[in-house]
C-alpha atoms as a PDB file:
ATOM      1  CA  MET A   1       0.000   0.000   0.000  1.00  0.00           C
ATOM      2  CA  THR A   2       1.548   3.264  -1.087  1.00  0.00           C
ATOM      3  CA  ASN A   3       1.417   6.406   0.949  1.00  0.00           C
ATOM      4  CA  ALA A   4      -0.520   9.274  -0.585  1.00  0.00           C
ATOM      5  CA  GLN A   5       1.660  12.233  -1.395  1.00  0.00           C
ATOM      6  CA  PRO A   6       0.912  15.307   0.684  1.00  0.00           C
ATOM      7  CA  LYS A   7      -0.796  18.138  -1.086  1.00  0.00           C
ATOM      8  CA  LYS A   8       1.353  21.146  -1.849  1.00  0.00           C
ATOM      9  CA  LYS A   9       0.424  24.198   0.076  1.00  0.00           C
ATOM     10  CA  THR A  10      -0.734  27.164  -1.904  1.00  0.00           C
ATOM     11  CA  GLY A  11       1.436  30.051  -0.766  1.00  0.00           C
ATOM     12  CA  LEU A  12       0.739  33.753  -0.833  1.00  0.00           C
ATOM     13  CA  ARG A  13       3.052  34.121  -3.806  1.00  0.00           C
ATOM     14  CA  ASP A  14       1.069  31.582  -5.811  1.00  0.00           C
ATOM     15  CA  ILE A  15      -2.184  33.313  -4.946  1.00  0.00           C
ATOM     16  CA  LEU A  16      -0.808  36.700  -5.984  1.00  0.00           C
ATOM     17  CA  MET A  17       0.482  35.226  -9.254  1.00  0.00           C
ATOM     18  CA  ARG A  18      -2.975  33.876 -10.082  1.00  0.00           C
ATOM     19  CA  LEU A  19      -5.001  36.839  -8.880  1.00  0.00           C
ATOM     20  CA  GLY A  20      -2.498  39.534  -9.867  1.00  0.00           C
ATOM     21  CA  PRO A  21      -4.350  40.736 -13.002  1.00  0.00           C
ATOM     22  CA  ALA A  22      -7.687  40.928 -11.174  1.00  0.00           C
ATOM     23  CA  LEU A  23      -6.081  42.767  -8.251  1.00  0.00           C
ATOM     24  CA  ALA A  24      -4.462  45.238 -10.676  1.00  0.00           C
ATOM     25  CA  LEU A  25      -7.852  45.857 -12.310  1.00  0.00           C
ATOM     26  CA  ILE A  26      -9.496  46.456  -8.930  1.00  0.00           C
ATOM     27  CA  LEU A  27      -6.666  48.763  -7.856  1.00  0.00           C
ATOM     28  CA  MET A  28      -6.872  50.812 -11.049  1.00  0.00           C
ATOM     29  CA  PHE A  29     -10.645  51.050 -10.666  1.00  0.00           C
ATOM     30  CA  ALA A  30     -10.215  52.306  -7.092  1.00  0.00           C
ATOM     31  CA  VAL A  31      -7.605  54.887  -8.102  1.00  0.00           C
ATOM     32  CA  PHE A  32      -9.723  56.411 -10.869  1.00  0.00           C
ATOM     33  CA  THR A  33     -12.796  56.330  -8.625  1.00  0.00           C
ATOM     34  CA  ILE A  34     -10.981  58.265  -5.891  1.00  0.00           C
ATOM     35  CA  VAL A  35      -9.348  60.741  -8.265  1.00  0.00           C
ATOM     36  CA  MET A  36     -12.413  61.373 -10.459  1.00  0.00           C
ATOM     37  CA  PRO A  37     -15.540  60.104  -8.682  1.00  0.00           C
ATOM     38  CA  GLY A  38     -17.846  62.463 -10.565  1.00  0.00           C
ATOM     39  CA  LYS A  39     -16.474  61.543 -13.978  1.00  0.00           C
ATOM     40  CA  PHE A  40     -15.215  57.978 -13.854  1.00  0.00           C
ATOM     41  CA  LEU A  41     -17.771  56.371 -11.555  1.00  0.00           C
ATOM     42  CA  ARG A  42     -20.748  56.997 -13.799  1.00  0.00           C
ATOM     43  CA  VAL A  43     -22.766  54.192 -15.338  1.00  0.00           C
ATOM     44  CA  GLY A  44     -22.502  55.766 -18.774  1.00  0.00           C
ATOM     45  CA  ASN A  45     -18.728  56.007 -18.519  1.00  0.00           C
ATOM     46  CA  LEU A  46     -18.342  52.442 -17.240  1.00  0.00           C
ATOM     47  CA  MET A  47     -20.438  51.194 -20.146  1.00  0.00           C
ATOM     48  CA  ASN A  48     -18.166  53.184 -22.440  1.00  0.00           C
ATOM     49  CA  VAL A  49     -15.173  51.342 -20.975  1.00  0.00           C
ATOM     50  CA  LEU A  50     -16.823  48.035 -21.858  1.00  0.00           C
ATOM     51  CA  LYS A  51     -17.512  49.302 -25.369  1.00  0.00           C
ATOM     52  CA  GLN A  52     -13.900  50.448 -25.762  1.00  0.00           C
ATOM     53  CA  ALA A  53     -12.603  47.108 -24.506  1.00  0.00           C
ATOM     54  CA  SER A  54     -14.683  45.025 -26.915  1.00  0.00           C
ATOM     55  CA  ILE A  55     -12.394  45.471 -29.928  1.00  0.00           C
ATOM     56  CA  ASN A  56      -9.253  44.628 -27.952  1.00  0.00           C
ATOM     57  CA  CYS A  57     -11.024  41.658 -26.361  1.00  0.00           C
ATOM     58  CA  MET A  58     -11.775  40.156 -29.768  1.00  0.00           C
ATOM     59  CA  ILE A  59      -8.296  40.751 -31.146  1.00  0.00           C
ATOM     60  CA  GLY A  60      -6.747  39.600 -27.876  1.00  0.00           C
ATOM     61  CA  ALA A  61      -8.575  36.251 -28.036  1.00  0.00           C
ATOM     62  CA  GLY A  62      -6.849  35.437 -31.308  1.00  0.00           C
ATOM     63  CA  MET A  63      -3.535  36.817 -30.073  1.00  0.00           C
ATOM     64  CA  LEU A  64      -3.762  34.555 -27.026  1.00  0.00           C
ATOM     65  CA  LEU A  65      -3.757  31.457 -29.226  1.00  0.00           C
ATOM     66  CA  CYS A  66      -0.648  32.709 -31.000  1.00  0.00           C
ATOM     67  CA  LEU A  67       1.145  33.423 -27.721  1.00  0.00           C
ATOM     68  CA  ILE A  68       0.206  30.013 -26.307  1.00  0.00           C
ATOM     69  CA  THR A  69       2.050  28.439 -29.257  1.00  0.00           C
ATOM     70  CA  ALA A  70       5.064  30.685 -28.483  1.00  0.00           C
ATOM     71  CA  GLY A  71       4.265  32.810 -31.532  1.00  0.00           C
ATOM     72  CA  ILE A  72       2.891  36.265 -32.218  1.00  0.00           C
ATOM     73  CA  ASP A  73       0.652  37.987 -34.760  1.00  0.00           C
ATOM     74  CA  LEU A  74       1.733  41.539 -35.542  1.00  0.00           C
ATOM     75  CA  SER A  75      -0.801  41.892 -38.356  1.00  0.00           C
ATOM     76  CA  VAL A  76      -3.909  41.892 -36.155  1.00  0.00           C
ATOM     77  CA  GLY A  77      -4.345  45.674 -36.045  1.00  0.00           C
ATOM     78  CA  TYR A  78      -4.456  46.237 -39.771  1.00  0.00           C
ATOM     79  CA  ASN A  79      -6.305  42.974 -40.346  1.00  0.00           C
ATOM     80  CA  CYS A  80      -9.093  44.433 -38.214  1.00  0.00           C
ATOM     81  CA  THR A  81      -8.778  47.729 -40.104  1.00  0.00           C
ATOM     82  CA  LEU A  82      -9.032  45.992 -43.483  1.00  0.00           C
ATOM     83  CA  ALA A  83     -12.263  44.259 -42.450  1.00  0.00           C
ATOM     84  CA  CYS A  84     -13.725  47.603 -41.409  1.00  0.00           C
ATOM     85  CA  CYS A  85     -12.542  49.315 -44.604  1.00  0.00           C
ATOM     86  CA  LEU A  86     -13.992  46.554 -46.783  1.00  0.00           C
ATOM     87  CA  ILE A  87     -17.398  47.200 -45.208  1.00  0.00           C
ATOM     88  CA  GLY A  88     -17.039  50.893 -46.059  1.00  0.00           C
ATOM     89  CA  VAL A  89     -15.982  50.234 -49.659  1.00  0.00           C
ATOM     90  CA  LEU A  90     -18.771  47.735 -50.330  1.00  0.00           C
ATOM     91  CA  MET A  91     -21.249  50.111 -48.757  1.00  0.00           C
ATOM     92  CA  ASN A  92     -20.133  52.902 -51.069  1.00  0.00           C
ATOM     93  CA  ALA A  93     -20.654  50.512 -53.969  1.00  0.00           C
ATOM     94  CA  GLY A  94     -24.319  50.280 -53.004  1.00  0.00           C
ATOM     95  CA  ILE A  95     -24.247  47.015 -51.055  1.00  0.00           C
ATOM     96  CA  THR A  96     -26.218  47.365 -47.834  1.00  0.00           C
ATOM     97  CA  SER A  97     -27.153  43.816 -46.854  1.00  0.00           C
ATOM     98  CA  PRO A  98     -25.489  42.652 -43.613  1.00  0.00           C
ATOM     99  CA  PHE A  99     -25.605  39.120 -45.034  1.00  0.00           C
ATOM    100  CA  ILE A 100     -23.003  40.267 -47.576  1.00  0.00           C
ATOM    101  CA  LEU A 101     -21.056  42.903 -45.649  1.00  0.00           C
ATOM    102  CA  ILE A 102     -20.371  40.934 -42.472  1.00  0.00           C
ATOM    103  CA  PRO A 103     -19.374  37.634 -44.162  1.00  0.00           C
ATOM    104  CA  ALA A 104     -17.134  39.560 -46.570  1.00  0.00           C
ATOM    105  CA  ALA A 105     -15.326  41.229 -43.662  1.00  0.00           C
ATOM    106  CA  LEU A 106     -14.922  37.927 -41.825  1.00  0.00           C
ATOM    107  CA  LEU A 107     -13.731  36.095 -44.937  1.00  0.00           C
ATOM    108  CA  ILE A 108     -11.012  38.559 -45.878  1.00  0.00           C
ATOM    109  CA  SER A 109      -9.603  38.670 -42.336  1.00  0.00           C
ATOM    110  CA  THR A 110      -9.790  34.907 -41.926  1.00  0.00           C
ATOM    111  CA  PHE A 111      -8.006  34.458 -45.249  1.00  0.00           C
ATOM    112  CA  ALA A 112      -5.246  36.853 -44.136  1.00  0.00           C
ATOM    113  CA  GLY A 113      -4.838  34.800 -40.958  1.00  0.00           C
ATOM    114  CA  PHE A 114      -4.703  31.585 -43.008  1.00  0.00           C
ATOM    115  CA  VAL A 115      -1.957  33.105 -45.174  1.00  0.00           C
ATOM    116  CA  ASN A 116      -0.033  34.024 -42.012  1.00  0.00           C
ATOM    117  CA  GLY A 117      -0.225  30.439 -40.809  1.00  0.00           C
ATOM    118  CA  THR A 118       0.663  29.024 -44.212  1.00  0.00           C
ATOM    119  CA  LEU A 119       3.700  31.276 -44.594  1.00  0.00           C
ATOM    120  CA  LEU A 120       4.928  30.235 -41.159  1.00  0.00           C
ATOM    121  CA  THR A 121       4.446  26.497 -41.584  1.00  0.00           C
ATOM    122  CA  ARG A 122       5.054  25.856 -45.280  1.00  0.00           C
ATOM    123  CA  LEU A 123       7.969  28.239 -45.797  1.00  0.00           C
ATOM    124  CA  GLU A 124       9.338  27.161 -42.412  1.00  0.00           C
ATOM    125  CA  LEU A 125      10.199  30.704 -41.407  1.00  0.00           C
ATOM    126  CA  PRO A 126      12.195  30.958 -38.162  1.00  0.00           C
ATOM    127  CA  HIS A 127       9.518  32.923 -36.296  1.00  0.00           C
ATOM    128  CA  PRO A 128       6.018  34.300 -37.015  1.00  0.00           C
ATOM    129  CA  PHE A 129       7.413  37.771 -36.307  1.00  0.00           C
ATOM    130  CA  VAL A 130       8.722  37.755 -39.878  1.00  0.00           C
ATOM    131  CA  SER A 131       5.591  36.653 -41.737  1.00  0.00           C
ATOM    132  CA  THR A 132       3.106  38.649 -39.633  1.00  0.00           C
ATOM    133  CA  LEU A 133       5.204  41.826 -39.786  1.00  0.00           C
ATOM    134  CA  GLY A 134       5.225  41.568 -43.555  1.00  0.00           C
ATOM    135  CA  MET A 135       1.502  40.832 -43.603  1.00  0.00           C
ATOM    136  CA  LYS A 136       0.891  43.844 -41.371  1.00  0.00           C
ATOM    137  CA  ASN A 137       2.293  46.174 -44.000  1.00  0.00           C
ATOM    138  CA  ILE A 138       0.500  44.354 -46.826  1.00  0.00           C
ATOM    139  CA  LEU A 139      -2.873  44.673 -45.104  1.00  0.00           C
ATOM    140  CA  TRP A 140      -2.262  48.325 -44.313  1.00  0.00           C
ATOM    141  CA  GLY A 141      -1.370  48.952 -47.931  1.00  0.00           C
ATOM    142  CA  VAL A 142      -4.480  47.156 -49.172  1.00  0.00           C
ATOM    143  CA  SER A 143      -6.635  49.212 -46.785  1.00  0.00           C
ATOM    144  CA  LEU A 144      -5.122  52.422 -48.105  1.00  0.00           C
ATOM    145  CA  LEU A 145      -5.554  51.233 -51.685  1.00  0.00           C
ATOM    146  CA  ILE A 146      -9.218  50.264 -51.548  1.00  0.00           C
ATOM    147  CA  THR A 147     -10.199  53.426 -49.640  1.00  0.00           C
ATOM    148  CA  SER A 148      -7.958  55.757 -51.690  1.00  0.00           C
ATOM    149  CA  SER A 149      -6.328  56.698 -48.355  1.00  0.00           C
ATOM    150  CA  THR A 150      -9.472  58.474 -47.161  1.00  0.00           C
ATOM    151  CA  SER A 151     -11.895  57.859 -44.325  1.00  0.00           C
ATOM    152  CA  ILE A 152     -15.363  56.619 -45.320  1.00  0.00           C
ATOM    153  CA  GLY A 153     -18.325  57.721 -43.221  1.00  0.00           C
ATOM    154  CA  LEU A 154     -20.871  55.027 -42.483  1.00  0.00           C
ATOM    155  CA  TYR A 155     -23.785  57.114 -41.241  1.00  0.00           C
ATOM    156  CA  ASN A 156     -27.023  57.308 -43.222  1.00  0.00           C
ATOM    157  CA  LYS A 157     -26.000  54.502 -45.523  1.00  0.00           C
ATOM    158  CA  GLY A 158     -28.830  52.106 -44.786  1.00  0.00           C
ATOM    159  CA  ILE A 159     -26.734  49.498 -42.992  1.00  0.00           C
ATOM    160  CA  ASP A 160     -27.937  49.953 -39.429  1.00  0.00           C
ATOM    161  CA  SER A 161     -28.114  46.181 -38.884  1.00  0.00           C
ATOM    162  CA  THR A 162     -24.454  45.839 -39.889  1.00  0.00           C
ATOM    163  CA  LEU A 163     -23.390  48.564 -37.468  1.00  0.00           C
ATOM    164  CA  ALA A 164     -25.578  47.253 -34.628  1.00  0.00           C
ATOM    165  CA  LEU A 165     -22.870  44.949 -33.279  1.00  0.00           C
ATOM    166  CA  GLY A 166     -20.656  47.895 -32.407  1.00  0.00           C
ATOM    167  CA  SER A 167     -23.225  50.618 -31.770  1.00  0.00           C
ATOM    168  CA  GLU A 168     -26.321  49.153 -30.109  1.00  0.00           C
ATOM    169  CA  THR A 169     -26.902  48.998 -26.361  1.00  0.00           C
ATOM    170  CA  LEU A 170     -29.416  47.198 -24.138  1.00  0.00           C
ATOM    171  CA  PHE A 171     -31.382  48.170 -21.059  1.00  0.00           C
ATOM    172  CA  SER A 172     -31.740  51.619 -19.582  1.00  0.00           C
ATOM    173  CA  PHE A 173     -28.100  51.809 -18.458  1.00  0.00           C
ATOM    174  CA  GLY A 174     -26.745  51.160 -21.959  1.00  0.00           C
ATOM    175  CA  LEU A 175     -25.046  47.762 -21.789  1.00  0.00           C
ATOM    176  CA  PRO A 176     -23.093  47.406 -25.077  1.00  0.00           C
ATOM    177  CA  VAL A 177     -24.192  44.569 -27.329  1.00  0.00           C
ATOM    178  CA  SER A 178     -20.555  44.194 -28.380  1.00  0.00           C
ATOM    179  CA  PHE A 179     -19.501  43.270 -24.838  1.00  0.00           C
ATOM    180  CA  LEU A 180     -22.244  40.663 -24.569  1.00  0.00           C
ATOM    181  CA  VAL A 181     -20.876  39.168 -27.775  1.00  0.00           C
ATOM    182  CA  VAL A 182     -17.400  39.236 -26.205  1.00  0.00           C
ATOM    183  CA  LEU A 183     -18.649  37.245 -23.208  1.00  0.00           C
ATOM    184  CA  ALA A 184     -20.311  34.698 -25.498  1.00  0.00           C
ATOM    185  CA  VAL A 185     -17.175  34.348 -27.641  1.00  0.00           C
ATOM    186  CA  TYR A 186     -14.963  34.031 -24.571  1.00  0.00           C
ATOM    187  CA  ALA A 187     -17.183  31.294 -23.160  1.00  0.00           C
ATOM    188  CA  ILE A 188     -16.743  29.421 -26.453  1.00  0.00           C
ATOM    189  CA  PHE A 189     -12.968  29.947 -26.304  1.00  0.00           C
ATOM    190  CA  HIS A 190     -12.893  28.639 -22.727  1.00  0.00           C
ATOM    191  CA  VAL A 191     -14.591  25.416 -23.805  1.00  0.00           C
ATOM    192  CA  PHE A 192     -12.440  25.232 -26.939  1.00  0.00           C
ATOM    193  CA  LEU A 193      -9.116  25.604 -25.107  1.00  0.00           C
ATOM    194  CA  ASN A 194      -9.941  23.355 -22.159  1.00  0.00           C
ATOM    195  CA  HIS A 195     -12.285  20.691 -23.490  1.00  0.00           C
ATOM    196  CA  THR A 196     -11.397  20.009 -27.136  1.00  0.00           C
ATOM    197  CA  SER A 197      -8.605  18.043 -28.749  1.00  0.00           C
ATOM    198  CA  LEU A 198      -7.357  20.999 -30.796  1.00  0.00           C
ATOM    199  CA  GLY A 199      -7.369  23.265 -27.743  1.00  0.00           C
ATOM    200  CA  ARG A 200      -5.182  20.862 -25.783  1.00  0.00           C
ATOM    201  CA  GLN A 201      -2.906  20.453 -28.798  1.00  0.00           C
ATOM    202  CA  ILE A 202      -2.407  24.228 -28.924  1.00  0.00           C
ATOM    203  CA  TYR A 203      -1.079  24.163 -25.363  1.00  0.00           C
ATOM    204  CA  CYS A 204       1.080  21.129 -26.140  1.00  0.00           C
ATOM    205  CA  VAL A 205       2.677  22.770 -29.186  1.00  0.00           C
ATOM    206  CA  GLY A 206       3.489  25.887 -27.175  1.00  0.00           C
ATOM    207  CA  GLY A 207       4.669  24.027 -24.078  1.00  0.00           C
ATOM    208  CA  ASN A 208       7.022  21.625 -25.860  1.00  0.00           C
ATOM    209  CA  ALA A 209       6.990  21.522 -29.646  1.00  0.00           C
ATOM    210  CA  GLU A 210       9.300  18.505 -29.867  1.00  0.00           C
ATOM    211  CA  ALA A 211       7.265  16.468 -27.393  1.00  0.00           C
ATOM    212  CA  ALA A 212       4.121  17.409 -29.303  1.00  0.00           C
ATOM    213  CA  ARG A 213       5.696  16.170 -32.536  1.00  0.00           C
ATOM    214  CA  LEU A 214       6.790  12.886 -30.962  1.00  0.00           C
ATOM    215  CA  SER A 215       3.291  12.350 -29.569  1.00  0.00           C
ATOM    216  CA  GLY A 216       1.851  12.519 -33.079  1.00  0.00           C
ATOM    217  CA  ILE A 217       0.474  16.069 -33.045  1.00  0.00           C
ATOM    218  CA  ARG A 218       0.641  17.702 -36.462  1.00  0.00           C
ATOM    219  CA  SER A 219       2.132  20.980 -35.307  1.00  0.00           C
ATOM    220  CA  LYS A 220       1.937  22.637 -38.708  1.00  0.00           C
ATOM    221  CA  ASN A 221      -1.799  22.054 -38.943  1.00  0.00           C
ATOM    222  CA  VAL A 222      -2.268  23.334 -35.394  1.00  0.00           C
ATOM    223  CA  LEU A 223      -0.318  26.522 -36.130  1.00  0.00           C
ATOM    224  CA  THR A 224      -2.227  27.116 -39.356  1.00  0.00           C
ATOM    225  CA  ALA A 225      -5.495  26.759 -37.435  1.00  0.00           C
ATOM    226  CA  VAL A 226      -4.268  29.149 -34.718  1.00  0.00           C
ATOM    227  CA  TYR A 227      -3.411  31.972 -37.115  1.00  0.00           C
ATOM    228  CA  THR A 228      -6.582  31.394 -39.117  1.00  0.00           C
ATOM    229  CA  ILE A 229      -8.648  31.764 -35.937  1.00  0.00           C
ATOM    230  CA  SER A 230      -6.679  34.892 -35.073  1.00  0.00           C
ATOM    231  CA  GLY A 231      -7.662  36.313 -38.447  1.00  0.00           C
ATOM    232  CA  LEU A 232     -11.317  35.449 -37.850  1.00  0.00           C
ATOM    233  CA  MET A 233     -11.264  37.303 -34.527  1.00  0.00           C
ATOM    234  CA  CYS A 234      -9.815  40.347 -36.293  1.00  0.00           C
ATOM    235  CA  GLY A 235     -12.734  40.227 -38.705  1.00  0.00           C
ATOM    236  CA  ILE A 236     -15.242  40.246 -35.847  1.00  0.00           C
ATOM    237  CA  ALA A 237     -13.335  43.131 -34.273  1.00  0.00           C
ATOM    238  CA  GLY A 238     -13.502  44.977 -37.609  1.00  0.00           C
ATOM    239  CA  VAL A 239     -17.290  44.656 -37.697  1.00  0.00           C
ATOM    240  CA  ILE A 240     -17.481  46.010 -34.146  1.00  0.00           C
ATOM    241  CA  LEU A 241     -15.107  48.836 -35.066  1.00  0.00           C
ATOM    242  CA  ALA A 242     -17.288  49.862 -38.008  1.00  0.00           C
ATOM    243  CA  GLY A 243     -20.310  50.190 -35.744  1.00  0.00           C
ATOM    244  CA  ARG A 244     -18.470  51.847 -32.891  1.00  0.00           C
ATOM    245  CA  VAL A 245     -16.863  54.705 -34.834  1.00  0.00           C
ATOM    246  CA  ALA A 246     -19.285  54.752 -37.798  1.00  0.00           C
ATOM    247  CA  SER A 247     -16.414  55.196 -40.221  1.00  0.00           C
ATOM    248  CA  ALA A 248     -13.791  53.191 -42.094  1.00  0.00           C
ATOM    249  CA  ASN A 249     -10.356  54.746 -41.629  1.00  0.00           C
ATOM    250  CA  PRO A 250      -7.330  52.855 -43.043  1.00  0.00           C
ATOM    251  CA  ASN A 251      -5.040  54.295 -40.360  1.00  0.00           C
ATOM    252  CA  THR A 252      -6.872  53.163 -37.223  1.00  0.00           C
ATOM    253  CA  GLY A 253      -5.036  49.914 -36.518  1.00  0.00           C
ATOM    254  CA  GLY A 254      -1.678  51.240 -35.366  1.00  0.00           C
ATOM    255  CA  THR A 255      -1.973  50.356 -31.662  1.00  0.00           C
ATOM    256  CA  TYR A 256      -4.288  47.349 -31.748  1.00  0.00           C
ATOM    257  CA  ASP A 257      -1.469  44.809 -31.938  1.00  0.00           C
ATOM    258  CA  THR A 258       0.423  46.147 -28.915  1.00  0.00           C
ATOM    259  CA  ASP A 259      -2.792  46.545 -26.912  1.00  0.00           C
ATOM    260  CA  ALA A 260      -3.740  42.930 -27.634  1.00  0.00           C
ATOM    261  CA  ILE A 261      -0.291  41.648 -26.701  1.00  0.00           C
ATOM    262  CA  ALA A 262      -0.347  43.665 -23.469  1.00  0.00           C
ATOM    263  CA  ALA A 263      -3.824  42.354 -22.598  1.00  0.00           C
ATOM    264  CA  CYS A 264      -2.688  38.746 -23.026  1.00  0.00           C
ATOM    265  CA  ILE A 265       0.573  39.151 -21.098  1.00  0.00           C
ATOM    266  CA  ILE A 266      -1.121  41.037 -18.269  1.00  0.00           C
ATOM    267  CA  GLY A 267      -3.693  38.237 -18.166  1.00  0.00           C
ATOM    268  CA  GLY A 268      -1.071  35.535 -17.636  1.00  0.00           C
ATOM    269  CA  ALA A 269       0.085  34.498 -21.116  1.00  0.00           C
ATOM    270  CA  SER A 270       3.790  34.254 -21.850  1.00  0.00           C
ATOM    271  CA  PHE A 271       6.069  34.812 -24.828  1.00  0.00           C
ATOM    272  CA  SER A 272       7.636  31.437 -24.040  1.00  0.00           C
ATOM    273  CA  GLY A 273       4.318  29.760 -24.822  1.00  0.00           C
ATOM    274  CA  GLY A 274       2.315  26.988 -23.235  1.00  0.00           C
ATOM    275  CA  LYS A 275       0.163  29.047 -20.883  1.00  0.00           C
ATOM    276  CA  GLY A 276      -2.517  31.680 -20.737  1.00  0.00           C
ATOM    277  CA  THR A 277      -6.278  31.786 -20.155  1.00  0.00           C
ATOM    278  CA  ILE A 278      -9.055  33.506 -22.033  1.00  0.00           C
ATOM    279  CA  TRP A 279     -10.488  35.048 -18.849  1.00  0.00           C
ATOM    280  CA  GLY A 280      -7.085  36.474 -17.963  1.00  0.00           C
ATOM    281  CA  THR A 281      -7.039  38.104 -21.392  1.00  0.00           C
ATOM    282  CA  LEU A 282     -10.455  39.614 -20.661  1.00  0.00           C
ATOM    283  CA  ILE A 283      -9.114  41.184 -17.457  1.00  0.00           C
ATOM    284  CA  GLY A 284      -6.061  42.494 -19.305  1.00  0.00           C
ATOM    285  CA  ALA A 285      -8.183  44.067 -22.050  1.00  0.00           C
ATOM    286  CA  LEU A 286     -10.461  45.709 -19.470  1.00  0.00           C
ATOM    287  CA  LEU A 287      -7.415  47.088 -17.662  1.00  0.00           C
ATOM    288  CA  ILE A 288      -6.014  48.605 -20.871  1.00  0.00           C
ATOM    289  CA  ALA A 289      -9.405  50.146 -21.726  1.00  0.00           C
ATOM    290  CA  MET A 290      -9.775  51.507 -18.201  1.00  0.00           C
ATOM    291  CA  ILE A 291      -6.358  53.153 -18.319  1.00  0.00           C
ATOM    292  CA  ARG A 292      -7.103  54.796 -21.666  1.00  0.00           C
ATOM    293  CA  ASN A 293     -10.522  55.940 -20.448  1.00  0.00           C
ATOM    294  CA  GLY A 294      -9.126  57.339 -17.215  1.00  0.00           C
ATOM    295  CA  LEU A 295      -6.377  59.245 -19.000  1.00  0.00           C
ATOM    296  CA  ASN A 296      -8.937  60.720 -21.404  1.00  0.00           C
ATOM    297  CA  LEU A 297     -11.095  61.896 -18.503  1.00  0.00           C
ATOM    298  CA  MET A 298      -8.051  63.464 -16.879  1.00  0.00           C
ATOM    299  CA  GLY A 299      -7.409  65.400 -20.086  1.00  0.00           C
ATOM    300  CA  ALA A 300      -4.108  63.688 -20.827  1.00  0.00           C
ATOM    301  CA  SER A 301      -2.792  64.404 -24.311  1.00  0.00           C
ATOM    302  CA  ASN A 302      -2.081  61.631 -26.822  1.00  0.00           C
ATOM    303  CA  ASP A 303       1.657  61.754 -26.219  1.00  0.00           C
ATOM    304  CA  VAL A 304       1.172  61.196 -22.478  1.00  0.00           C
ATOM    305  CA  GLN A 305      -1.220  58.332 -23.193  1.00  0.00           C
ATOM    306  CA  TYR A 306       1.303  56.657 -25.460  1.00  0.00           C
ATOM    307  CA  ILE A 307       3.963  56.989 -22.760  1.00  0.00           C
ATOM    308  CA  VAL A 308       1.708  55.445 -20.106  1.00  0.00           C
ATOM    309  CA  ILE A 309       0.524  52.574 -22.312  1.00  0.00           C
ATOM    310  CA  GLY A 310       4.135  51.956 -23.386  1.00  0.00           C
ATOM    311  CA  ALA A 311       5.157  51.772 -19.739  1.00  0.00           C
ATOM    312  CA  VAL A 312       2.319  49.323 -19.073  1.00  0.00           C
ATOM    313  CA  ILE A 313       3.514  47.111 -21.920  1.00  0.00           C
ATOM    314  CA  ILE A 314       7.096  47.145 -20.612  1.00  0.00           C
ATOM    315  CA  LEU A 315       5.830  46.390 -17.106  1.00  0.00           C
ATOM    316  CA  SER A 316       3.709  43.499 -18.363  1.00  0.00           C
ATOM    317  CA  VAL A 317       6.681  41.973 -20.202  1.00  0.00           C
ATOM    318  CA  THR A 318       8.832  42.420 -17.089  1.00  0.00           C
ATOM    319  CA  ILE A 319       6.174  40.637 -15.036  1.00  0.00           C
ATOM    320  CA  ASP A 320       6.186  37.837 -17.602  1.00  0.00           C
ATOM    321  CA  VAL A 321       9.959  37.432 -17.225  1.00  0.00           C
ATOM    322  CA  LEU A 322       9.770  37.478 -13.421  1.00  0.00           C
ATOM    323  CA  ARG A 323       6.884  35.032 -13.478  1.00  0.00           C
ATOM    324  CA  GLY A 324       8.931  32.664 -15.626  1.00  0.00           C
ATOM    325  CA  LYS A 325      11.885  32.845 -13.233  1.00  0.00           C
ATOM    326  CA  ILE A 326       9.666  32.192 -10.214  1.00  0.00           C
ATOM    327  CA  GLU A 327       8.027  29.204 -11.891  1.00  0.00           C
ATOM    328  CA  ALA A 328      11.417  27.801 -12.960  1.00  0.00           C
ATOM    329  CA  LYS A 329      12.681  28.142  -9.395  1.00  0.00           C
ATOM    330  CA  ALA A 330       9.555  26.432  -8.059  1.00  0.00           C
ATOM    331  CA  ARG A 331      10.046  23.536 -10.469  1.00  0.00           C
ATOM    332  CA  LYS A 332      13.661  23.086  -9.338  1.00  0.00           C
ATOM    333  CA  MET A 333      12.619  23.078  -5.713  1.00  0.00           C
ATOM    334  CA  ALA A 334       9.858  20.552  -6.405  1.00  0.00           C
ATOM    335  CA  ALA A 335      12.311  18.293  -8.270  1.00  0.00           C
ATOM    336  CA  ALA A 336      14.773  18.467  -5.391  1.00  0.00           C
ATOM    337  CA  GLU A 337      12.182  17.292  -2.829  1.00  0.00           C
END
């Protein structure tokens, strides 16, 4: 009869590592509430934060898959922009049916993601940084080309149902429809990552690519699926963007990639791959949106906002490095026992 191994105690450090993103969100909420109670702590403003976060939440969901596989997708910002611009161009051509506009936006972004995955796996490039950086510029160029480098207004064009995803609200307090869609999509991602074969394979490929290969996992197919899904999420974000700003501007995607990366890293994902949760990404995206909203209410100029968000990104990467060192040390101590 073998003795049962004693359960490992969950220390304060472990608790802080798991709850760190949520604690940071609560702390930031408290700070803005104290500093600007009459501006920040209003139902309308809080609903605006949720609306602002929706785009980053969608893009961040796809980015999370890439980071779990130890990759990255730098094209997400302008992939989202291209989807939005395609809606504007088709609308100007007289097409108003949401059954054409929305699928077209999703298809072009999904195809761009598929190309990203194909370039990475079939050309055997050393890192997705190369292929997605190139695709970023291609998508930006296509957006500029199809819009003639001008912004297209989407008001009074007879496509209210297409814009509803990013513009409509529910109930008297104005709950954004886009955030409800985010919650539904995130619930699907949670099931996908934790309870499906492909979801588990994504973690395996990111945790140990060689072990995944030896276990029979077709890593190339997994990576192609990951970047294709990332493209699909950019398409959904593009539809939300069209409704939220009621315009199609080819230059709007400049910060979406860094915001999505920051949201994932803050939420517990790592550049080394193999870890990250969809709900952590949600917390990270809400934190980024809250910071931007708070700075806007304080009257901070764009340059100050860029400095603050840049500092947040650096801090999140630093936390990722420290987290990796702590986990490596914990593994060594567990192996020595």
